[in-house]
Amino acid sequence: MRIRLPASRGSGPWAIASFIGIPLFFSALMSSTLAQEKPRVVQWKGPHHLITMWHAPSSGTEARIWLWALLPPVLLSFVGWICMRLPLGWYIACVAGIVEAVAVVHKLDTWTRHHTQRFPTGVDLIPNLPSTTASNQYNAGEWEKQARETALSLEHWTIGLALASIVVMAALWIRKRYFSRKPLFETGGVLEGVHAPDSTGASVPVE
């Protein structure tokens, strides 16, 4: 049994959904990093106490971060593809972008706090100590604060693009509906031609 999809009404909803998905992806990437990134912890028992070393996250963790970050824009693009076959599909795609933008940062404060706890020496894994010879770029919680602000800023950009797209399309519809020029004459049939009267007179039959 075949399932026949409705005819496409144009690729506009898919295009705008893919465009809105650009800032949505980077917002999701920041949120996914805060939610899932964790260092590799190596511990061993020293002469006097337990020694703990933090190393960069594993390749599997990084891959999981990127996959989760790709999920919201891919889902939005799929919604836009479906909206190509729906009435008011442009507006539905934009609203879906707003919903996803809010969803990807809904637990951002919790993720920020947990990420700071997982990186007690900062994301560069270098403690801020006077005896440390390496250069410490981030203290604990410093990078997390910047990542949180970036994710929220990109969320605002995503929502702003979606709202601006709705306003533009609504304005174009109002202009077309109420302010477009109408033809001066509406003809319901074929107009008869207008010409000068025949000057040759009536014809005379020949016997």
N, C-alpha and C. Protein backbone atom coordinates (compact mmCIF):
# COMPACT_ATOMS: atom_id res chain seq x y z
N MET A 1 0.84 -1.19 0.00
CA MET A 1 0.00 0.00 0.00
C MET A 1 0.88 1.24 0.00
N ARG A 2 0.76 2.02 -1.01
CA ARG A 2 1.59 3.22 -1.14
C ARG A 2 0.97 4.39 -0.39
N ILE A 3 1.86 5.19 0.20
CA ILE A 3 1.44 6.41 0.88
C ILE A 3 1.80 7.59 0.00
N ARG A 4 0.81 8.29 -0.49
CA ARG A 4 1.05 9.42 -1.37
C ARG A 4 1.07 10.70 -0.56
N LEU A 5 2.19 11.41 -0.65
CA LEU A 5 2.33 12.68 0.06
C LEU A 5 1.62 13.78 -0.69
N PRO A 6 1.12 14.79 0.02
CA PRO A 6 0.51 15.94 -0.67
C PRO A 6 1.54 16.63 -1.56
N ALA A 7 1.05 17.31 -2.56
CA ALA A 7 1.94 18.01 -3.49
C ALA A 7 2.67 19.13 -2.77
N SER A 8 3.89 19.38 -3.20
CA SER A 8 4.70 20.44 -2.60
C SER A 8 4.13 21.81 -2.95
N ARG A 9 4.14 22.71 -1.97
CA ARG A 9 3.68 24.07 -2.17
C ARG A 9 4.84 25.04 -2.40
N GLY A 10 6.04 24.52 -2.53
CA GLY A 10 7.22 25.36 -2.69
C GLY A 10 8.26 25.02 -1.64
N SER A 11 9.51 25.33 -1.93
CA SER A 11 10.62 24.97 -1.04
C SER A 11 10.93 26.04 -0.01
N GLY A 12 10.08 27.06 0.11
CA GLY A 12 10.34 28.13 1.06
C GLY A 12 10.47 27.66 2.50
N PRO A 13 9.53 26.86 3.04
CA PRO A 13 9.66 26.41 4.42
C PRO A 13 10.94 25.61 4.69
N TRP A 14 11.33 24.77 3.76
CA TRP A 14 12.57 24.01 3.93
C TRP A 14 13.78 24.93 3.94
N ALA A 15 13.78 25.92 3.06
CA ALA A 15 14.90 26.85 2.99
C ALA A 15 15.03 27.66 4.27
N ILE A 16 13.92 28.20 4.78
CA ILE A 16 14.01 29.03 5.98
C ILE A 16 14.35 28.19 7.20
N ALA A 17 13.87 26.94 7.25
CA ALA A 17 14.22 26.06 8.37
C ALA A 17 15.72 25.75 8.37
N SER A 18 16.28 25.52 7.20
CA SER A 18 17.72 25.24 7.12
C SER A 18 18.52 26.48 7.50
N PHE A 19 18.04 27.66 7.12
CA PHE A 19 18.75 28.89 7.46
C PHE A 19 18.70 29.17 8.96
N ILE A 20 17.53 28.98 9.56
CA ILE A 20 17.42 29.17 11.01
C ILE A 20 18.25 28.13 11.76
N GLY A 21 18.47 26.99 11.15
CA GLY A 21 19.24 25.94 11.80
C GLY A 21 20.71 26.25 11.97
N ILE A 22 21.23 27.30 11.29
CA ILE A 22 22.66 27.61 11.42
C ILE A 22 23.00 28.11 12.82
N PRO A 23 22.38 29.21 13.31
CA PRO A 23 22.67 29.60 14.70
C PRO A 23 22.17 28.58 15.71
N LEU A 24 21.10 27.85 15.36
CA LEU A 24 20.61 26.81 16.27
C LEU A 24 21.66 25.74 16.50
N PHE A 25 22.40 25.38 15.46
CA PHE A 25 23.45 24.36 15.59
C PHE A 25 24.54 24.80 16.57
N PHE A 26 25.00 26.03 16.44
CA PHE A 26 26.09 26.48 17.32
C PHE A 26 25.62 26.65 18.76
N SER A 27 24.36 27.06 18.94
CA SER A 27 23.80 27.11 20.29
C SER A 27 23.72 25.71 20.88
N ALA A 28 23.29 24.75 20.08
CA ALA A 28 23.22 23.36 20.54
C ALA A 28 24.61 22.80 20.81
N LEU A 29 25.61 23.23 20.04
CA LEU A 29 26.97 22.74 20.26
C LEU A 29 27.51 23.21 21.61
N MET A 30 27.28 24.49 21.95
CA MET A 30 27.71 24.98 23.25
C MET A 30 26.99 24.26 24.38
N SER A 31 25.68 24.07 24.21
CA SER A 31 24.90 23.39 25.24
C SER A 31 25.31 21.93 25.38
N SER A 32 25.54 21.26 24.26
CA SER A 32 25.96 19.86 24.30
C SER A 32 27.33 19.71 24.94
N THR A 33 28.21 20.66 24.69
CA THR A 33 29.54 20.61 25.31
C THR A 33 29.43 20.75 26.83
N LEU A 34 28.64 21.71 27.28
CA LEU A 34 28.47 21.89 28.72
C LEU A 34 27.80 20.68 29.35
N ALA A 35 26.91 20.03 28.63
CA ALA A 35 26.16 18.91 29.20
C ALA A 35 26.97 17.62 29.23
N GLN A 36 27.87 17.39 28.27
CA GLN A 36 28.46 16.06 28.11
C GLN A 36 29.97 16.02 28.24
N GLU A 37 30.64 17.12 28.02
CA GLU A 37 32.11 17.07 28.03
C GLU A 37 32.63 16.76 29.43
N LYS A 38 33.57 15.85 29.48
CA LYS A 38 34.21 15.51 30.75
C LYS A 38 35.62 15.03 30.47
N PRO A 39 36.55 15.30 31.37
CA PRO A 39 37.94 14.87 31.15
C PRO A 39 38.11 13.39 31.49
N ARG A 40 39.19 12.84 30.98
CA ARG A 40 39.58 11.48 31.38
C ARG A 40 40.37 11.60 32.68
N VAL A 41 39.89 10.95 33.70
CA VAL A 41 40.50 11.04 35.03
C VAL A 41 41.32 9.79 35.29
N VAL A 42 42.57 9.99 35.66
CA VAL A 42 43.49 8.88 36.00
C VAL A 42 43.93 9.08 37.45
N GLN A 43 43.73 8.06 38.25
CA GLN A 43 44.09 8.13 39.67
C GLN A 43 44.97 6.95 40.06
N TRP A 44 45.88 7.19 40.94
CA TRP A 44 46.68 6.12 41.52
C TRP A 44 47.08 6.53 42.94
N LYS A 45 47.41 5.53 43.70
CA LYS A 45 47.74 5.74 45.11
C LYS A 45 49.22 6.08 45.25
N GLY A 46 49.50 7.27 45.73
CA GLY A 46 50.87 7.70 45.93
C GLY A 46 51.39 7.30 47.30
N PRO A 47 52.60 7.74 47.64
CA PRO A 47 53.19 7.38 48.93
C PRO A 47 52.37 7.88 50.13
N HIS A 48 51.76 9.06 49.96
CA HIS A 48 51.06 9.65 51.08
C HIS A 48 49.56 9.90 50.82
N HIS A 49 49.16 10.04 49.56
CA HIS A 49 47.75 10.35 49.28
C HIS A 49 47.42 9.89 47.86
N LEU A 50 46.14 9.98 47.53
CA LEU A 50 45.67 9.60 46.20
C LEU A 50 46.01 10.69 45.19
N ILE A 51 46.67 10.32 44.12
CA ILE A 51 47.06 11.27 43.09
C ILE A 51 46.07 11.20 41.93
N THR A 52 45.59 12.37 41.51
CA THR A 52 44.59 12.45 40.44
C THR A 52 45.13 13.32 39.32
N MET A 53 45.00 12.82 38.09
CA MET A 53 45.41 13.58 36.91
C MET A 53 44.22 13.66 35.95
N TRP A 54 44.04 14.85 35.38
CA TRP A 54 42.97 15.07 34.41
C TRP A 54 43.57 15.20 33.02
N HIS A 55 42.97 14.47 32.06
CA HIS A 55 43.44 14.52 30.68
C HIS A 55 42.30 14.97 29.77
N ALA A 56 42.65 15.31 28.53
CA ALA A 56 41.65 15.80 27.58
C ALA A 56 40.56 14.76 27.36
N PRO A 57 39.35 15.20 27.02
CA PRO A 57 38.25 14.26 26.77
C PRO A 57 38.59 13.27 25.66
N SER A 58 38.00 12.11 25.71
CA SER A 58 38.25 11.07 24.72
C SER A 58 37.58 11.41 23.40
N SER A 59 37.99 10.71 22.34
CA SER A 59 37.40 10.92 21.02
C SER A 59 35.93 10.54 21.00
N GLY A 60 35.56 9.51 21.76
CA GLY A 60 34.16 9.11 21.83
C GLY A 60 33.29 10.19 22.44
N THR A 61 33.79 10.87 23.46
CA THR A 61 33.04 11.97 24.07
C THR A 61 32.86 13.12 23.10
N GLU A 62 33.92 13.46 22.37
CA GLU A 62 33.82 14.55 21.39
C GLU A 62 32.82 14.20 20.28
N ALA A 63 32.85 12.95 19.82
CA ALA A 63 31.91 12.55 18.76
C ALA A 63 30.47 12.62 19.26
N ARG A 64 30.24 12.22 20.51
CA ARG A 64 28.89 12.28 21.06
C ARG A 64 28.41 13.72 21.19
N ILE A 65 29.30 14.63 21.53
CA ILE A 65 28.94 16.05 21.64
C ILE A 65 28.47 16.58 20.29
N TRP A 66 29.22 16.28 19.23
CA TRP A 66 28.88 16.78 17.90
C TRP A 66 27.60 16.15 17.37
N LEU A 67 27.39 14.87 17.64
CA LEU A 67 26.17 14.21 17.17
C LEU A 67 24.93 14.81 17.82
N TRP A 68 24.99 15.06 19.12
CA TRP A 68 23.85 15.67 19.80
C TRP A 68 23.64 17.11 19.34
N ALA A 69 24.73 17.80 18.99
CA ALA A 69 24.59 19.18 18.50
C ALA A 69 23.96 19.23 17.11
N LEU A 70 24.19 18.19 16.30
CA LEU A 70 23.60 18.13 14.96
C LEU A 70 22.13 17.77 14.98
N LEU A 71 21.66 17.13 16.02
CA LEU A 71 20.28 16.65 16.05
C LEU A 71 19.24 17.76 15.93
N PRO A 72 19.32 18.88 16.68
CA PRO A 72 18.28 19.92 16.55
C PRO A 72 18.18 20.53 15.15
N PRO A 73 19.29 20.95 14.49
CA PRO A 73 19.11 21.52 13.15
C PRO A 73 18.64 20.50 12.12
N VAL A 74 19.08 19.25 12.24
CA VAL A 74 18.60 18.22 11.30
C VAL A 74 17.10 18.00 11.49
N LEU A 75 16.66 17.95 12.74
CA LEU A 75 15.23 17.80 13.01
C LEU A 75 14.44 18.99 12.48
N LEU A 76 14.98 20.20 12.64
CA LEU A 76 14.30 21.39 12.12
C LEU A 76 14.22 21.36 10.61
N SER A 77 15.29 20.91 9.94
CA SER A 77 15.26 20.81 8.49
C SER A 77 14.22 19.79 8.03
N PHE A 78 14.08 18.70 8.77
CA PHE A 78 13.06 17.70 8.44
C PHE A 78 11.65 18.28 8.61
N VAL A 79 11.46 19.06 9.67
CA VAL A 79 10.16 19.71 9.86
C VAL A 79 9.89 20.67 8.70
N GLY A 80 10.92 21.40 8.27
CA GLY A 80 10.75 22.30 7.13
C GLY A 80 10.38 21.55 5.86
N TRP A 81 10.96 20.36 5.68
CA TRP A 81 10.62 19.56 4.49
C TRP A 81 9.16 19.12 4.53
N ILE A 82 8.68 18.74 5.71
CA ILE A 82 7.27 18.38 5.84
C ILE A 82 6.37 19.60 5.60
N CYS A 83 6.81 20.76 6.09
CA CYS A 83 6.00 21.97 5.95
C CYS A 83 5.87 22.43 4.50
N MET A 84 6.72 21.92 3.60
CA MET A 84 6.56 22.24 2.19
C MET A 84 5.21 21.77 1.66
N ARG A 85 4.58 20.84 2.33
CA ARG A 85 3.33 20.26 1.87
C ARG A 85 2.14 20.64 2.74
N LEU A 86 2.34 21.62 3.61
CA LEU A 86 1.28 22.04 4.52
C LEU A 86 0.88 23.48 4.27
N PRO A 87 -0.39 23.82 4.48
CA PRO A 87 -0.76 25.24 4.44
C PRO A 87 -0.07 26.00 5.58
N LEU A 88 0.32 27.23 5.30
CA LEU A 88 1.04 28.04 6.29
C LEU A 88 2.32 27.35 6.76
N GLY A 89 2.94 26.59 5.86
CA GLY A 89 4.13 25.84 6.24
C GLY A 89 5.29 26.73 6.65
N TRP A 90 5.41 27.91 6.03
CA TRP A 90 6.48 28.84 6.38
C TRP A 90 6.42 29.20 7.86
N TYR A 91 5.22 29.52 8.33
CA TYR A 91 5.06 29.94 9.72
C TYR A 91 5.27 28.77 10.69
N ILE A 92 4.83 27.59 10.30
CA ILE A 92 5.03 26.41 11.15
C ILE A 92 6.52 26.12 11.32
N ALA A 93 7.29 26.23 10.23
CA ALA A 93 8.74 25.99 10.31
C ALA A 93 9.41 27.00 11.22
N CYS A 94 9.00 28.26 11.14
CA CYS A 94 9.60 29.30 12.00
C CYS A 94 9.27 29.06 13.46
N VAL A 95 8.03 28.69 13.75
CA VAL A 95 7.64 28.41 15.13
C VAL A 95 8.40 27.20 15.67
N ALA A 96 8.62 26.19 14.82
CA ALA A 96 9.40 25.03 15.24
C ALA A 96 10.83 25.43 15.58
N GLY A 97 11.40 26.37 14.83
CA GLY A 97 12.74 26.86 15.14
C GLY A 97 12.79 27.55 16.50
N ILE A 98 11.75 28.32 16.82
CA ILE A 98 11.70 28.99 18.12
C ILE A 98 11.61 27.97 19.25
N VAL A 99 10.77 26.95 19.06
CA VAL A 99 10.61 25.92 20.09
C VAL A 99 11.92 25.18 20.32
N GLU A 100 12.62 24.82 19.26
CA GLU A 100 13.89 24.11 19.41
C GLU A 100 14.96 24.99 20.05
N ALA A 101 14.97 26.28 19.71
CA ALA A 101 15.95 27.19 20.30
C ALA A 101 15.79 27.28 21.81
N VAL A 102 14.54 27.28 22.27
CA VAL A 102 14.29 27.30 23.72
C VAL A 102 14.64 25.96 24.35
N ALA A 103 14.37 24.86 23.62
CA ALA A 103 14.59 23.53 24.18
C ALA A 103 16.07 23.22 24.40
N VAL A 104 16.95 23.67 23.51
CA VAL A 104 18.36 23.28 23.62
C VAL A 104 19.07 23.96 24.80
N VAL A 105 18.47 24.99 25.38
CA VAL A 105 19.11 25.68 26.51
C VAL A 105 18.25 25.59 27.77
N HIS A 106 17.30 24.65 27.80
CA HIS A 106 16.35 24.64 28.92
C HIS A 106 16.99 24.27 30.24
N LYS A 107 18.13 23.56 30.24
CA LYS A 107 18.83 23.19 31.48
C LYS A 107 20.25 23.73 31.46
N LEU A 108 20.44 24.89 30.87
CA LEU A 108 21.79 25.41 30.66
C LEU A 108 22.49 25.71 31.98
N ASP A 109 21.78 26.24 32.96
CA ASP A 109 22.42 26.55 34.24
C ASP A 109 22.91 25.30 34.94
N THR A 110 22.12 24.23 34.88
CA THR A 110 22.54 22.96 35.50
C THR A 110 23.75 22.39 34.78
N TRP A 111 23.72 22.41 33.44
CA TRP A 111 24.86 21.90 32.69
C TRP A 111 26.13 22.73 32.95
N THR A 112 25.99 24.03 33.09
CA THR A 112 27.15 24.88 33.37
C THR A 112 27.76 24.53 34.73
N ARG A 113 26.91 24.33 35.71
CA ARG A 113 27.40 24.00 37.05
C ARG A 113 28.10 22.63 37.07
N HIS A 114 27.51 21.65 36.39
CA HIS A 114 28.11 20.32 36.36
C HIS A 114 29.42 20.31 35.59
N HIS A 115 29.50 21.07 34.50
CA HIS A 115 30.74 21.13 33.74
C HIS A 115 31.86 21.74 34.58
N THR A 116 31.54 22.75 35.36
CA THR A 116 32.55 23.36 36.23
C THR A 116 33.05 22.36 37.27
N GLN A 117 32.15 21.53 37.78
CA GLN A 117 32.55 20.53 38.76
C GLN A 117 33.42 19.45 38.14
N ARG A 118 33.19 19.12 36.86
CA ARG A 118 34.00 18.09 36.20
C ARG A 118 35.38 18.60 35.81
N PHE A 119 35.53 19.91 35.68
CA PHE A 119 36.82 20.51 35.35
C PHE A 119 37.24 21.44 36.48
N PRO A 120 37.67 20.90 37.60
CA PRO A 120 37.98 21.75 38.76
C PRO A 120 39.19 22.64 38.55
N THR A 121 40.04 22.33 37.60
CA THR A 121 41.21 23.17 37.32
C THR A 121 41.03 24.04 36.09
N GLY A 122 39.83 24.06 35.50
CA GLY A 122 39.60 24.80 34.27
C GLY A 122 39.65 23.88 33.07
N VAL A 123 39.10 24.33 31.94
CA VAL A 123 39.03 23.47 30.76
C VAL A 123 40.40 23.20 30.15
N ASP A 124 41.39 24.04 30.46
CA ASP A 124 42.74 23.75 29.94
C ASP A 124 43.46 22.73 30.80
N LEU A 125 42.82 22.29 31.91
CA LEU A 125 43.37 21.25 32.80
C LEU A 125 44.70 21.63 33.41
N ILE A 126 44.93 22.93 33.54
CA ILE A 126 46.16 23.43 34.16
C ILE A 126 45.77 24.20 35.42
N PRO A 127 46.17 23.77 36.60
CA PRO A 127 45.79 24.48 37.82
C PRO A 127 46.44 25.86 37.89
N ASN A 128 45.74 26.78 38.48
CA ASN A 128 46.24 28.14 38.63
C ASN A 128 47.05 28.24 39.92
N LEU A 129 48.29 27.81 39.82
CA LEU A 129 49.18 27.82 40.99
C LEU A 129 50.44 28.61 40.66
N PRO A 130 51.02 29.28 41.65
CA PRO A 130 52.26 30.03 41.38
C PRO A 130 53.40 29.14 40.92
N SER A 131 53.38 27.87 41.38
CA SER A 131 54.47 26.96 41.01
C SER A 131 54.29 26.33 39.64
N THR A 132 53.16 26.59 38.99
CA THR A 132 52.91 25.98 37.70
C THR A 132 53.68 26.72 36.62
N THR A 133 54.47 25.97 35.85
CA THR A 133 55.27 26.59 34.81
C THR A 133 54.47 26.82 33.54
N ALA A 134 53.44 26.00 33.28
CA ALA A 134 52.63 26.16 32.08
C ALA A 134 51.70 27.36 32.23
N SER A 135 51.23 27.86 31.11
CA SER A 135 50.36 29.03 31.11
C SER A 135 48.91 28.60 31.31
N ASN A 136 48.30 29.08 32.37
CA ASN A 136 46.91 28.78 32.65
C ASN A 136 46.03 29.83 32.00
N GLN A 137 45.16 29.41 31.06
CA GLN A 137 44.31 30.35 30.33
C GLN A 137 42.94 30.52 30.97
N TYR A 138 42.41 29.48 31.55
CA TYR A 138 41.06 29.53 32.13
C TYR A 138 41.10 29.01 33.55
N ASN A 139 40.54 29.77 34.46
CA ASN A 139 40.31 29.28 35.81
C ASN A 139 39.02 28.47 35.84
N ALA A 140 38.78 27.81 36.94
CA ALA A 140 37.57 27.00 37.07
C ALA A 140 36.32 27.88 36.95
N GLY A 141 35.42 27.49 36.06
CA GLY A 141 34.18 28.23 35.85
C GLY A 141 34.26 29.38 34.88
N GLU A 142 35.45 29.77 34.46
CA GLU A 142 35.59 30.94 33.57
C GLU A 142 35.11 30.61 32.16
N TRP A 143 35.57 29.49 31.60
CA TRP A 143 35.13 29.13 30.25
C TRP A 143 33.65 28.79 30.24
N GLU A 144 33.16 28.14 31.29
CA GLU A 144 31.75 27.76 31.35
C GLU A 144 30.85 29.01 31.29
N LYS A 145 31.27 30.07 31.94
CA LYS A 145 30.48 31.31 31.90
C LYS A 145 30.42 31.87 30.49
N GLN A 146 31.55 31.86 29.78
CA GLN A 146 31.57 32.34 28.40
C GLN A 146 30.72 31.46 27.49
N ALA A 147 30.82 30.14 27.67
CA ALA A 147 30.04 29.21 26.84
C ALA A 147 28.54 29.40 27.08
N ARG A 148 28.15 29.61 28.31
CA ARG A 148 26.73 29.84 28.63
C ARG A 148 26.23 31.11 27.94
N GLU A 149 26.99 32.18 28.02
CA GLU A 149 26.59 33.44 27.39
C GLU A 149 26.50 33.28 25.87
N THR A 150 27.43 32.53 25.29
CA THR A 150 27.40 32.30 23.84
C THR A 150 26.17 31.50 23.43
N ALA A 151 25.84 30.45 24.18
CA ALA A 151 24.67 29.63 23.86
C ALA A 151 23.39 30.46 23.94
N LEU A 152 23.28 31.31 24.95
CA LEU A 152 22.09 32.15 25.08
C LEU A 152 22.02 33.20 23.97
N SER A 153 23.17 33.77 23.62
CA SER A 153 23.18 34.75 22.53
C SER A 153 22.75 34.13 21.21
N LEU A 154 23.24 32.92 20.93
CA LEU A 154 22.85 32.22 19.70
C LEU A 154 21.38 31.80 19.73
N GLU A 155 20.88 31.48 20.93
CA GLU A 155 19.45 31.21 21.04
C GLU A 155 18.64 32.44 20.66
N HIS A 156 19.07 33.61 21.14
CA HIS A 156 18.36 34.85 20.80
C HIS A 156 18.43 35.14 19.30
N TRP A 157 19.58 34.87 18.69
CA TRP A 157 19.70 35.06 17.24
C TRP A 157 18.74 34.13 16.49
N THR A 158 18.64 32.89 16.93
CA THR A 158 17.74 31.93 16.28
C THR A 158 16.29 32.40 16.37
N ILE A 159 15.89 32.80 17.57
CA ILE A 159 14.52 33.28 17.75
C ILE A 159 14.28 34.55 16.96
N GLY A 160 15.28 35.45 16.93
CA GLY A 160 15.14 36.69 16.17
C GLY A 160 14.97 36.45 14.69
N LEU A 161 15.75 35.52 14.12
CA LEU A 161 15.62 35.21 12.70
C LEU A 161 14.24 34.62 12.40
N ALA A 162 13.77 33.74 13.28
CA ALA A 162 12.45 33.14 13.05
C ALA A 162 11.34 34.18 13.11
N LEU A 163 11.40 35.07 14.10
CA LEU A 163 10.38 36.11 14.22
C LEU A 163 10.44 37.08 13.04
N ALA A 164 11.66 37.45 12.63
CA ALA A 164 11.79 38.35 11.48
C ALA A 164 11.25 37.72 10.21
N SER A 165 11.45 36.43 10.03
CA SER A 165 10.92 35.73 8.86
C SER A 165 9.40 35.72 8.87
N ILE A 166 8.81 35.52 10.05
CA ILE A 166 7.35 35.54 10.15
C ILE A 166 6.81 36.92 9.80
N VAL A 167 7.46 37.96 10.33
CA VAL A 167 6.99 39.34 10.09
C VAL A 167 7.09 39.68 8.61
N VAL A 168 8.21 39.30 7.97
CA VAL A 168 8.39 39.62 6.56
C VAL A 168 7.33 38.93 5.70
N MET A 169 7.10 37.65 5.94
CA MET A 169 6.11 36.94 5.15
C MET A 169 4.70 37.47 5.40
N ALA A 170 4.39 37.82 6.64
CA ALA A 170 3.08 38.38 6.94
C ALA A 170 2.91 39.74 6.25
N ALA A 171 3.97 40.56 6.23
CA ALA A 171 3.90 41.85 5.56
C ALA A 171 3.70 41.69 4.05
N LEU A 172 4.39 40.71 3.46
CA LEU A 172 4.21 40.47 2.03
C LEU A 172 2.80 40.00 1.71
N TRP A 173 2.23 39.17 2.59
CA TRP A 173 0.86 38.70 2.36
C TRP A 173 -0.13 39.86 2.47
N ILE A 174 0.05 40.72 3.48
CA ILE A 174 -0.85 41.88 3.64
C ILE A 174 -0.73 42.82 2.45
N ARG A 175 0.49 43.03 1.98
CA ARG A 175 0.69 43.91 0.82
C ARG A 175 0.00 43.33 -0.41
N LYS A 176 0.14 42.04 -0.62
CA LYS A 176 -0.49 41.41 -1.78
C LYS A 176 -2.00 41.39 -1.65
N ARG A 177 -2.49 41.19 -0.42
CA ARG A 177 -3.94 41.05 -0.22
C ARG A 177 -4.68 42.37 -0.27
N TYR A 178 -4.09 43.43 0.28
CA TYR A 178 -4.84 44.67 0.44
C TYR A 178 -4.28 45.86 -0.35
N PHE A 179 -3.04 45.79 -0.78
CA PHE A 179 -2.45 46.96 -1.42
C PHE A 179 -1.99 46.71 -2.85
N SER A 180 -2.25 45.55 -3.39
CA SER A 180 -1.86 45.30 -4.78
C SER A 180 -2.85 46.00 -5.71
N ARG A 181 -2.36 46.43 -6.87
CA ARG A 181 -3.20 47.12 -7.85
C ARG A 181 -4.12 46.13 -8.54
N LYS A 182 -5.39 46.54 -8.67
CA LYS A 182 -6.35 45.71 -9.37
C LYS A 182 -6.56 46.25 -10.77
N PRO A 183 -6.91 45.41 -11.73
CA PRO A 183 -7.14 45.89 -13.10
C PRO A 183 -8.32 46.86 -13.15
N LEU A 184 -8.24 47.86 -14.03
CA LEU A 184 -9.29 48.87 -14.14
C LEU A 184 -10.59 48.28 -14.65
N PHE A 185 -10.49 47.34 -15.60
CA PHE A 185 -11.69 46.73 -16.18
C PHE A 185 -11.60 45.23 -15.99
N GLU A 186 -12.67 44.68 -15.50
CA GLU A 186 -12.77 43.23 -15.37
C GLU A 186 -13.70 42.72 -16.46
N THR A 187 -13.19 41.94 -17.34
CA THR A 187 -13.97 41.44 -18.48
C THR A 187 -14.41 40.02 -18.20
N GLY A 188 -15.69 39.78 -18.46
CA GLY A 188 -16.19 38.43 -18.25
C GLY A 188 -16.32 37.65 -19.54
N GLY A 189 -16.11 38.31 -20.68
CA GLY A 189 -16.23 37.62 -21.95
C GLY A 189 -15.36 38.29 -22.99
N VAL A 190 -15.66 38.04 -24.23
CA VAL A 190 -14.88 38.59 -25.32
C VAL A 190 -15.45 39.95 -25.69
N LEU A 191 -14.62 40.96 -25.79
CA LEU A 191 -15.05 42.29 -26.17
C LEU A 191 -15.22 42.37 -27.69
N GLU A 192 -16.30 43.04 -28.12
CA GLU A 192 -16.50 43.23 -29.54
C GLU A 192 -15.61 44.34 -30.04
N GLY A 193 -15.14 44.17 -31.24
CA GLY A 193 -14.27 45.19 -31.82
C GLY A 193 -15.05 46.45 -32.19
N VAL A 194 -14.43 47.60 -32.07
CA VAL A 194 -15.03 48.89 -32.41
C VAL A 194 -14.40 49.38 -33.70
N HIS A 195 -15.23 49.70 -34.74
CA HIS A 195 -14.67 50.14 -36.00
C HIS A 195 -15.62 51.17 -36.61
N ALA A 196 -15.17 51.83 -37.64
CA ALA A 196 -15.98 52.87 -38.32
C ALA A 196 -17.09 52.22 -39.12
N PRO A 197 -18.20 52.96 -39.32
CA PRO A 197 -19.30 52.39 -40.12
C PRO A 197 -18.88 52.14 -41.56
N ASP A 198 -19.48 51.16 -42.15
CA ASP A 198 -19.15 50.79 -43.52
C ASP A 198 -19.63 51.89 -44.47
N SER A 199 -18.73 52.44 -45.26
CA SER A 199 -19.06 53.57 -46.14
C SER A 199 -19.43 53.14 -47.56
N THR A 200 -19.40 51.85 -47.83
CA THR A 200 -19.69 51.40 -49.20
C THR A 200 -21.17 51.28 -49.47
N GLY A 201 -21.97 51.36 -48.38
CA GLY A 201 -23.41 51.25 -48.59
C GLY A 201 -23.84 49.82 -48.78
N ALA A 202 -25.18 49.68 -48.98
CA ALA A 202 -25.72 48.34 -49.16
C ALA A 202 -25.43 47.83 -50.55
N SER A 203 -25.24 46.58 -50.65
CA SER A 203 -24.96 45.98 -51.95
C SER A 203 -26.27 45.80 -52.71
N VAL A 204 -26.24 45.96 -54.04
CA VAL A 204 -27.41 45.82 -54.88
C VAL A 204 -27.32 44.51 -55.63
N PRO A 205 -28.36 43.69 -55.51
CA PRO A 205 -28.30 42.40 -56.19
C PRO A 205 -28.34 42.57 -57.70
N VAL A 206 -27.63 41.79 -58.39
CA VAL A 206 -27.58 41.84 -59.86
C VAL A 206 -28.49 40.75 -60.40
N GLU A 207 -29.41 41.16 -61.33
CA GLU A 207 -30.32 40.17 -61.91
C GLU A 207 -29.67 39.51 -63.12
